[in-house]
Amino acid sequence: MSTAIGATIFALTNDPVWIGVCVALGAAIGSARADSNKEKS
């Protein structure tokens, strides 16, 4: 999903940096969510 958001912002701004930024944020959020799930188990 984060890649789609990055692609949308890229389409609006023509700045490819946004694709990488959104992918990195998505990975960080996914990692934090996975760590949170491990603690609950």
PDB file of N, CA and C in Angstrom:
ATOM      1  N   MET A   1       0.810  -1.185   0.000  1.00  0.00           N
ATOM      2  CA  MET A   1       0.000   0.000   0.000  1.00  0.00           C
ATOM      3  C   MET A   1       0.864   1.264   0.000  1.00  0.00           C
ATOM      4  N   SER A   2       1.969   1.214   0.698  1.00  0.00           N
ATOM      5  CA  SER A   2       2.829   2.404   0.754  1.00  0.00           C
ATOM      6  C   SER A   2       3.412   2.730  -0.617  1.00  0.00           C
ATOM      7  N   THR A   3       3.663   1.712  -1.428  1.00  0.00           N
ATOM      8  CA  THR A   3       4.177   1.953  -2.775  1.00  0.00           C
ATOM      9  C   THR A   3       3.142   2.693  -3.608  1.00  0.00           C
ATOM     10  N   ALA A   4       1.878   2.338  -3.453  1.00  0.00           N
ATOM     11  CA  ALA A   4       0.810   3.016  -4.189  1.00  0.00           C
ATOM     12  C   ALA A   4       0.705   4.479  -3.787  1.00  0.00           C
ATOM     13  N   ILE A   5       0.852   4.757  -2.507  1.00  0.00           N
ATOM     14  CA  ILE A   5       0.811   6.142  -2.038  1.00  0.00           C
ATOM     15  C   ILE A   5       1.991   6.915  -2.624  1.00  0.00           C
ATOM     16  N   GLY A   6       3.188   6.300  -2.598  1.00  0.00           N
ATOM     17  CA  GLY A   6       4.364   6.934  -3.185  1.00  0.00           C
ATOM     18  C   GLY A   6       4.195   7.190  -4.670  1.00  0.00           C
ATOM     19  N   ALA A   7       3.612   6.232  -5.370  1.00  0.00           N
ATOM     20  CA  ALA A   7       3.390   6.398  -6.813  1.00  0.00           C
ATOM     21  C   ALA A   7       2.398   7.517  -7.088  1.00  0.00           C
ATOM     22  N   THR A   8       1.392   7.636  -6.247  1.00  0.00           N
ATOM     23  CA  THR A   8       0.404   8.709  -6.420  1.00  0.00           C
ATOM     24  C   THR A   8       1.043  10.076  -6.202  1.00  0.00           C
ATOM     25  N   ILE A   9       1.833  10.197  -5.136  1.00  0.00           N
ATOM     26  CA  ILE A   9       2.504  11.474  -4.882  1.00  0.00           C
ATOM     27  C   ILE A   9       3.485  11.778  -6.008  1.00  0.00           C
ATOM     28  N   PHE A  10       4.184  10.740  -6.504  1.00  0.00           N
ATOM     29  CA  PHE A  10       5.097  10.932  -7.636  1.00  0.00           C
ATOM     30  C   PHE A  10       4.338  11.451  -8.860  1.00  0.00           C
ATOM     31  N   ALA A  11       3.164  10.885  -9.117  1.00  0.00           N
ATOM     32  CA  ALA A  11       2.383  11.319 -10.274  1.00  0.00           C
ATOM     33  C   ALA A  11       1.971  12.783 -10.147  1.00  0.00           C
ATOM     34  N   LEU A  12       1.713  13.208  -8.914  1.00  0.00           N
ATOM     35  CA  LEU A  12       1.302  14.600  -8.700  1.00  0.00           C
ATOM     36  C   LEU A  12       2.472  15.578  -8.744  1.00  0.00           C
ATOM     37  N   THR A  13       3.642  15.137  -8.252  1.00  0.00           N
ATOM     38  CA  THR A  13       4.764  16.069  -8.111  1.00  0.00           C
ATOM     39  C   THR A  13       5.908  15.845  -9.099  1.00  0.00           C
ATOM     40  N   ASN A  14       5.944  14.689  -9.765  1.00  0.00           N
ATOM     41  CA  ASN A  14       7.051  14.300 -10.650  1.00  0.00           C
ATOM     42  C   ASN A  14       8.383  14.246  -9.914  1.00  0.00           C
ATOM     43  N   ASP A  15       8.351  13.929  -8.612  1.00  0.00           N
ATOM     44  CA  ASP A  15       9.550  13.818  -7.792  1.00  0.00           C
ATOM     45  C   ASP A  15       9.662  12.373  -7.303  1.00  0.00           C
ATOM     46  N   PRO A  16      10.565  11.570  -7.898  1.00  0.00           N
ATOM     47  CA  PRO A  16      10.633  10.138  -7.577  1.00  0.00           C
ATOM     48  C   PRO A  16      11.079   9.825  -6.148  1.00  0.00           C
ATOM     49  N   VAL A  17      11.566  10.814  -5.430  1.00  0.00           N
ATOM     50  CA  VAL A  17      11.995  10.593  -4.045  1.00  0.00           C
ATOM     51  C   VAL A  17      10.826  10.091  -3.200  1.00  0.00           C
ATOM     52  N   TRP A  18       9.619  10.542  -3.498  1.00  0.00           N
ATOM     53  CA  TRP A  18       8.457  10.174  -2.691  1.00  0.00           C
ATOM     54  C   TRP A  18       8.183   8.681  -2.696  1.00  0.00           C
ATOM     55  N   ILE A  19       8.490   7.988  -3.795  1.00  0.00           N
ATOM     56  CA  ILE A  19       8.270   6.544  -3.851  1.00  0.00           C
ATOM     57  C   ILE A  19       9.131   5.862  -2.796  1.00  0.00           C
ATOM     58  N   GLY A  20      10.407   6.220  -2.749  1.00  0.00           N
ATOM     59  CA  GLY A  20      11.311   5.633  -1.759  1.00  0.00           C
ATOM     60  C   GLY A  20      10.938   5.992  -0.340  1.00  0.00           C
ATOM     61  N   VAL A  21      10.536   7.246  -0.125  1.00  0.00           N
ATOM     62  CA  VAL A  21      10.146   7.682   1.219  1.00  0.00           C
ATOM     63  C   VAL A  21       8.947   6.879   1.708  1.00  0.00           C
ATOM     64  N   CYS A  22       7.952   6.717   0.875  1.00  0.00           N
ATOM     65  CA  CYS A  22       6.751   5.982   1.285  1.00  0.00           C
ATOM     66  C   CYS A  22       7.030   4.507   1.490  1.00  0.00           C
ATOM     67  N   VAL A  23       7.881   3.915   0.671  1.00  0.00           N
ATOM     68  CA  VAL A  23       8.249   2.508   0.859  1.00  0.00           C
ATOM     69  C   VAL A  23       8.990   2.333   2.184  1.00  0.00           C
ATOM     70  N   ALA A  24       9.907   3.250   2.478  1.00  0.00           N
ATOM     71  CA  ALA A  24      10.651   3.170   3.737  1.00  0.00           C
ATOM     72  C   ALA A  24       9.723   3.335   4.937  1.00  0.00           C
ATOM     73  N   LEU A  25       8.799   4.265   4.872  1.00  0.00           N
ATOM     74  CA  LEU A  25       7.847   4.445   5.965  1.00  0.00           C
ATOM     75  C   LEU A  25       6.960   3.217   6.139  1.00  0.00           C
ATOM     76  N   GLY A  26       6.529   2.650   5.039  1.00  0.00           N
ATOM     77  CA  GLY A  26       5.709   1.439   5.113  1.00  0.00           C
ATOM     78  C   GLY A  26       6.460   0.283   5.737  1.00  0.00           C
ATOM     79  N   ALA A  27       7.737   0.140   5.406  1.00  0.00           N
ATOM     80  CA  ALA A  27       8.551  -0.922   5.994  1.00  0.00           C
ATOM     81  C   ALA A  27       8.742  -0.700   7.487  1.00  0.00           C
ATOM     82  N   ALA A  28       8.958   0.538   7.884  1.00  0.00           N
ATOM     83  CA  ALA A  28       9.137   0.850   9.311  1.00  0.00           C
ATOM     84  C   ALA A  28       7.856   0.576  10.093  1.00  0.00           C
ATOM     85  N   ILE A  29       6.734   0.956   9.539  1.00  0.00           N
ATOM     86  CA  ILE A  29       5.455   0.717  10.213  1.00  0.00           C
ATOM     87  C   ILE A  29       5.177  -0.778  10.293  1.00  0.00           C
ATOM     88  N   GLY A  30       5.446  -1.505   9.217  1.00  0.00           N
ATOM     89  CA  GLY A  30       5.235  -2.948   9.217  1.00  0.00           C
ATOM     90  C   GLY A  30       6.119  -3.647  10.226  1.00  0.00           C
ATOM     91  N   SER A  31       7.342  -3.200  10.349  1.00  0.00           N
ATOM     92  CA  SER A  31       8.265  -3.787  11.312  1.00  0.00           C
ATOM     93  C   SER A  31       7.805  -3.513  12.736  1.00  0.00           C
ATOM     94  N   ALA A  32       7.382  -2.307  13.008  1.00  0.00           N
ATOM     95  CA  ALA A  32       6.900  -1.951  14.346  1.00  0.00           C
ATOM     96  C   ALA A  32       5.646  -2.744  14.683  1.00  0.00           C
ATOM     97  N   ARG A  33       4.792  -2.943  13.711  1.00  0.00           N
ATOM     98  CA  ARG A  33       3.554  -3.697  13.936  1.00  0.00           C
ATOM     99  C   ARG A  33       3.874  -5.158  14.228  1.00  0.00           C
ATOM    100  N   ALA A  34       4.850  -5.723  13.522  1.00  0.00           N
ATOM    101  CA  ALA A  34       5.242  -7.112  13.745  1.00  0.00           C
ATOM    102  C   ALA A  34       5.843  -7.283  15.136  1.00  0.00           C
ATOM    103  N   ASP A  35       6.677  -6.328  15.569  1.00  0.00           N
ATOM    104  CA  ASP A  35       7.260  -6.390  16.910  1.00  0.00           C
ATOM    105  C   ASP A  35       6.177  -6.298  17.978  1.00  0.00           C
ATOM    106  N   SER A  36       5.172  -5.467  17.743  1.00  0.00           N
ATOM    107  CA  SER A  36       4.092  -5.298  18.700  1.00  0.00           C
ATOM    108  C   SER A  36       3.293  -6.597  18.832  1.00  0.00           C
ATOM    109  N   ASN A  37       3.079  -7.285  17.732  1.00  0.00           N
ATOM    110  CA  ASN A  37       2.344  -8.547  17.762  1.00  0.00           C
ATOM    111  C   ASN A  37       3.105  -9.624  18.500  1.00  0.00           C
ATOM    112  N   LYS A  38       4.431  -9.640  18.406  1.00  0.00           N
ATOM    113  CA  LYS A  38       5.245 -10.633  19.105  1.00  0.00           C
ATOM    114  C   LYS A  38       5.164 -10.438  20.612  1.00  0.00           C
ATOM    115  N   GLU A  39       5.103  -9.189  21.067  1.00  0.00           N
ATOM    116  CA  GLU A  39       5.057  -8.900  22.499  1.00  0.00           C
ATOM    117  C   GLU A  39       3.738  -9.337  23.114  1.00  0.00           C
ATOM    118  N   LYS A  40       2.650  -9.272  22.354  1.00  0.00           N
ATOM    119  CA  LYS A  40       1.322  -9.632  22.866  1.00  0.00           C
ATOM    120  C   LYS A  40       1.167 -11.145  23.020  1.00  0.00           C
ATOM    121  N   SER A  41       1.896 -11.909  22.227  1.00  0.00           N
ATOM    122  CA  SER A  41       1.747 -13.371  22.244  1.00  0.00           C
ATOM    123  C   SER A  41       2.373 -14.004  23.456  1.00  0.00           C
TER     124      SER A  41
END
